Amino acid sequence: MSTNLYWRPLPKNPDGEFLGYQLKFILAPCLWDHDGSLSAEWTTVGPDALDFLRGVAACGDKRGEEAQRLIDLIEKYGAVEIALMG
């Protein structure tokens, strides 16, 4: 089953909004201990992830674009929650 990466600002927005597809393959092993093909619960991502995400953003491909969007969201909200949902 295919999954997608979603985000929501804190406090919780129950539905979340679509963030992207490619970035999940980079984040899932770090955050949920799998390859990104499975669903995963909401987890908070904040300023401590910015250096890592900036490195991903430097790729300049679709993963980089998605990472930059997540960076922008963290900078706007201070922290956001992300989840993998099918």
N, C-alpha and C. Protein backbone atom coordinates (compact mmCIF):
# COMPACT_ATOMS: atom_id res chain seq x y z
N MET A 1 0.84 -1.17 0.00
CA MET A 1 0.00 0.00 0.00
C MET A 1 0.88 1.24 0.00
N SER A 2 0.52 2.22 -0.76
CA SER A 2 1.28 3.45 -0.84
C SER A 2 0.83 4.42 0.25
N THR A 3 1.76 5.20 0.77
CA THR A 3 1.45 6.21 1.77
C THR A 3 1.94 7.56 1.29
N ASN A 4 1.45 8.62 1.90
CA ASN A 4 1.88 9.98 1.61
C ASN A 4 2.24 10.66 2.93
N LEU A 5 3.07 11.69 2.87
CA LEU A 5 3.50 12.43 4.04
C LEU A 5 2.60 13.64 4.20
N TYR A 6 2.02 13.83 5.38
CA TYR A 6 1.14 14.95 5.69
C TYR A 6 1.72 15.77 6.82
N TRP A 7 1.28 17.02 6.96
CA TRP A 7 1.71 17.89 8.05
C TRP A 7 0.49 18.58 8.64
N ARG A 8 0.63 19.06 9.89
CA ARG A 8 -0.39 19.90 10.51
C ARG A 8 0.29 20.75 11.56
N PRO A 9 -0.17 21.99 11.73
CA PRO A 9 0.42 22.84 12.76
C PRO A 9 -0.05 22.40 14.14
N LEU A 10 0.68 22.79 15.13
CA LEU A 10 0.24 22.57 16.51
C LEU A 10 -0.55 23.80 16.93
N PRO A 11 -1.64 23.74 17.64
CA PRO A 11 -2.31 22.52 18.09
C PRO A 11 -2.89 21.74 16.91
N LYS A 12 -3.29 20.55 17.22
CA LYS A 12 -3.62 19.58 16.19
C LYS A 12 -4.79 19.98 15.31
N ASN A 13 -4.57 19.89 14.02
CA ASN A 13 -5.61 19.96 13.01
C ASN A 13 -5.89 18.50 12.67
N PRO A 14 -7.06 17.97 12.96
CA PRO A 14 -7.27 16.53 12.84
C PRO A 14 -7.03 15.95 11.45
N ASP A 15 -7.20 16.74 10.40
CA ASP A 15 -7.06 16.19 9.07
C ASP A 15 -5.64 16.26 8.52
N GLY A 16 -4.94 17.33 8.80
CA GLY A 16 -3.61 17.52 8.23
C GLY A 16 -3.72 17.92 6.77
N GLU A 17 -2.61 18.33 6.18
CA GLU A 17 -2.54 18.73 4.79
C GLU A 17 -1.40 17.99 4.11
N PHE A 18 -1.60 17.67 2.83
CA PHE A 18 -0.61 16.93 2.05
C PHE A 18 0.70 17.72 1.99
N LEU A 19 1.81 17.06 2.28
CA LEU A 19 3.13 17.69 2.23
C LEU A 19 3.93 17.22 1.03
N GLY A 20 3.85 15.95 0.71
CA GLY A 20 4.61 15.43 -0.41
C GLY A 20 4.74 13.93 -0.35
N TYR A 21 5.43 13.39 -1.33
CA TYR A 21 5.60 11.95 -1.44
C TYR A 21 7.04 11.51 -1.26
N GLN A 22 8.00 12.23 -1.81
CA GLN A 22 9.40 11.80 -1.82
C GLN A 22 10.10 11.94 -0.48
N LEU A 23 9.82 13.01 0.24
CA LEU A 23 10.51 13.28 1.51
C LEU A 23 10.26 12.18 2.54
N LYS A 24 9.13 11.51 2.44
CA LYS A 24 8.81 10.47 3.43
C LYS A 24 9.86 9.36 3.45
N PHE A 25 10.48 9.08 2.31
CA PHE A 25 11.48 8.01 2.26
C PHE A 25 12.76 8.38 3.02
N ILE A 26 12.99 9.66 3.19
CA ILE A 26 14.15 10.12 3.96
C ILE A 26 13.79 10.21 5.45
N LEU A 27 12.58 10.68 5.76
CA LEU A 27 12.19 10.88 7.15
C LEU A 27 11.76 9.60 7.86
N ALA A 28 11.11 8.70 7.15
CA ALA A 28 10.54 7.50 7.80
C ALA A 28 11.57 6.66 8.55
N PRO A 29 12.74 6.37 8.00
CA PRO A 29 13.70 5.57 8.77
C PRO A 29 14.13 6.26 10.07
N CYS A 30 14.23 7.57 10.04
CA CYS A 30 14.66 8.32 11.23
C CYS A 30 13.55 8.44 12.27
N LEU A 31 12.33 8.68 11.81
CA LEU A 31 11.24 8.98 12.73
C LEU A 31 10.38 7.78 13.11
N TRP A 32 10.22 6.83 12.19
CA TRP A 32 9.29 5.72 12.43
C TRP A 32 9.91 4.35 12.25
N ASP A 33 11.20 4.28 11.95
CA ASP A 33 11.92 3.01 11.85
C ASP A 33 11.36 2.07 10.78
N HIS A 34 10.95 2.65 9.63
CA HIS A 34 10.60 1.84 8.46
C HIS A 34 10.89 2.63 7.20
N ASP A 35 10.59 2.06 6.05
CA ASP A 35 11.01 2.67 4.78
C ASP A 35 10.07 3.72 4.21
N GLY A 36 8.96 4.00 4.87
CA GLY A 36 8.02 5.00 4.38
C GLY A 36 6.84 4.41 3.64
N SER A 37 6.80 3.10 3.48
CA SER A 37 5.69 2.47 2.78
C SER A 37 4.51 2.16 3.70
N LEU A 38 4.71 2.30 5.00
CA LEU A 38 3.66 2.03 5.98
C LEU A 38 3.12 3.32 6.54
N SER A 39 1.91 3.28 7.09
CA SER A 39 1.37 4.44 7.80
C SER A 39 2.13 4.62 9.10
N ALA A 40 2.12 5.84 9.62
CA ALA A 40 2.79 6.12 10.88
C ALA A 40 2.07 7.24 11.61
N GLU A 41 2.08 7.18 12.92
CA GLU A 41 1.39 8.16 13.76
C GLU A 41 2.02 9.55 13.65
N TRP A 42 1.26 10.54 14.07
CA TRP A 42 1.72 11.92 14.10
C TRP A 42 2.91 12.06 15.04
N THR A 43 3.92 12.77 14.59
CA THR A 43 5.09 13.07 15.42
C THR A 43 5.48 14.52 15.20
N THR A 44 5.98 15.16 16.23
CA THR A 44 6.34 16.57 16.16
C THR A 44 7.73 16.75 15.58
N VAL A 45 7.84 17.68 14.65
CA VAL A 45 9.12 18.05 14.05
C VAL A 45 9.29 19.55 14.27
N GLY A 46 10.41 19.94 14.88
CA GLY A 46 10.63 21.34 15.22
C GLY A 46 11.98 21.84 14.77
N PRO A 47 12.42 22.93 15.38
CA PRO A 47 13.67 23.58 14.98
C PRO A 47 14.90 22.67 15.02
N ASP A 48 14.88 21.66 15.86
CA ASP A 48 16.03 20.75 15.94
C ASP A 48 16.23 19.95 14.66
N ALA A 49 15.24 19.90 13.80
CA ALA A 49 15.34 19.17 12.53
C ALA A 49 15.78 20.06 11.37
N LEU A 50 15.91 21.36 11.60
CA LEU A 50 16.16 22.29 10.49
C LEU A 50 17.49 22.05 9.78
N ASP A 51 18.56 21.78 10.49
CA ASP A 51 19.84 21.53 9.83
C ASP A 51 19.76 20.32 8.91
N PHE A 52 19.16 19.26 9.40
CA PHE A 52 18.98 18.06 8.58
C PHE A 52 18.15 18.37 7.34
N LEU A 53 17.03 19.06 7.55
CA LEU A 53 16.14 19.38 6.43
C LEU A 53 16.80 20.32 5.43
N ARG A 54 17.62 21.24 5.91
CA ARG A 54 18.34 22.13 4.99
C ARG A 54 19.30 21.34 4.11
N GLY A 55 19.91 20.30 4.67
CA GLY A 55 20.77 19.43 3.87
C GLY A 55 19.99 18.71 2.79
N VAL A 56 18.79 18.24 3.14
CA VAL A 56 17.94 17.58 2.15
C VAL A 56 17.49 18.60 1.10
N ALA A 57 17.15 19.81 1.54
CA ALA A 57 16.70 20.86 0.61
C ALA A 57 17.77 21.19 -0.40
N ALA A 58 19.03 21.04 -0.02
CA ALA A 58 20.14 21.36 -0.93
C ALA A 58 20.21 20.40 -2.11
N CYS A 59 19.49 19.28 -2.04
CA CYS A 59 19.48 18.32 -3.15
C CYS A 59 18.95 18.95 -4.43
N GLY A 60 18.02 19.88 -4.29
CA GLY A 60 17.49 20.57 -5.45
C GLY A 60 16.49 19.78 -6.26
N ASP A 61 16.13 18.57 -5.84
CA ASP A 61 15.13 17.78 -6.56
C ASP A 61 13.80 17.87 -5.82
N LYS A 62 12.87 16.97 -6.14
CA LYS A 62 11.55 16.99 -5.51
C LYS A 62 11.65 16.82 -3.99
N ARG A 63 12.58 15.97 -3.54
CA ARG A 63 12.78 15.81 -2.09
C ARG A 63 13.21 17.13 -1.47
N GLY A 64 14.08 17.84 -2.16
CA GLY A 64 14.55 19.13 -1.69
C GLY A 64 13.43 20.16 -1.62
N GLU A 65 12.55 20.15 -2.61
CA GLU A 65 11.41 21.06 -2.60
C GLU A 65 10.48 20.77 -1.42
N GLU A 66 10.23 19.49 -1.18
CA GLU A 66 9.37 19.10 -0.06
C GLU A 66 10.02 19.44 1.27
N ALA A 67 11.33 19.24 1.37
CA ALA A 67 12.05 19.60 2.59
C ALA A 67 11.98 21.10 2.83
N GLN A 68 12.13 21.89 1.78
CA GLN A 68 12.05 23.35 1.93
C GLN A 68 10.66 23.77 2.40
N ARG A 69 9.63 23.11 1.90
CA ARG A 69 8.27 23.43 2.36
C ARG A 69 8.14 23.13 3.84
N LEU A 70 8.69 22.00 4.29
CA LEU A 70 8.64 21.65 5.71
C LEU A 70 9.45 22.64 6.53
N ILE A 71 10.59 23.07 6.04
CA ILE A 71 11.39 24.10 6.72
C ILE A 71 10.56 25.37 6.89
N ASP A 72 9.91 25.79 5.81
CA ASP A 72 9.08 27.00 5.87
C ASP A 72 7.97 26.87 6.90
N LEU A 73 7.35 25.69 6.98
CA LEU A 73 6.27 25.47 7.94
C LEU A 73 6.80 25.51 9.38
N ILE A 74 7.94 24.89 9.62
CA ILE A 74 8.53 24.90 10.96
C ILE A 74 8.89 26.33 11.35
N GLU A 75 9.47 27.07 10.42
CA GLU A 75 9.82 28.46 10.71
C GLU A 75 8.58 29.31 10.97
N LYS A 76 7.49 29.03 10.30
CA LYS A 76 6.25 29.78 10.49
C LYS A 76 5.55 29.42 11.81
N TYR A 77 5.45 28.11 12.12
CA TYR A 77 4.68 27.66 13.27
C TYR A 77 5.53 27.30 14.49
N GLY A 78 6.83 27.24 14.34
CA GLY A 78 7.70 26.84 15.46
C GLY A 78 7.90 25.34 15.51
N ALA A 79 6.86 24.58 15.22
CA ALA A 79 6.90 23.12 15.14
C ALA A 79 5.63 22.68 14.42
N VAL A 80 5.69 21.56 13.76
CA VAL A 80 4.51 20.97 13.12
C VAL A 80 4.52 19.48 13.41
N GLU A 81 3.40 18.85 13.22
CA GLU A 81 3.33 17.41 13.32
C GLU A 81 3.28 16.85 11.92
N ILE A 82 3.93 15.71 11.70
CA ILE A 82 3.87 15.03 10.43
C ILE A 82 3.48 13.57 10.67
N ALA A 83 2.84 12.96 9.68
CA ALA A 83 2.41 11.56 9.76
C ALA A 83 2.40 10.98 8.37
N LEU A 84 2.46 9.67 8.30
CA LEU A 84 2.29 8.96 7.03
C LEU A 84 0.92 8.33 7.04
N MET A 85 0.12 8.68 6.04
CA MET A 85 -1.25 8.16 5.97
C MET A 85 -1.50 7.60 4.58
N GLY A 86 -2.19 6.48 4.53
CA GLY A 86 -2.50 5.84 3.26
C GLY A 86 -3.87 6.23 2.75
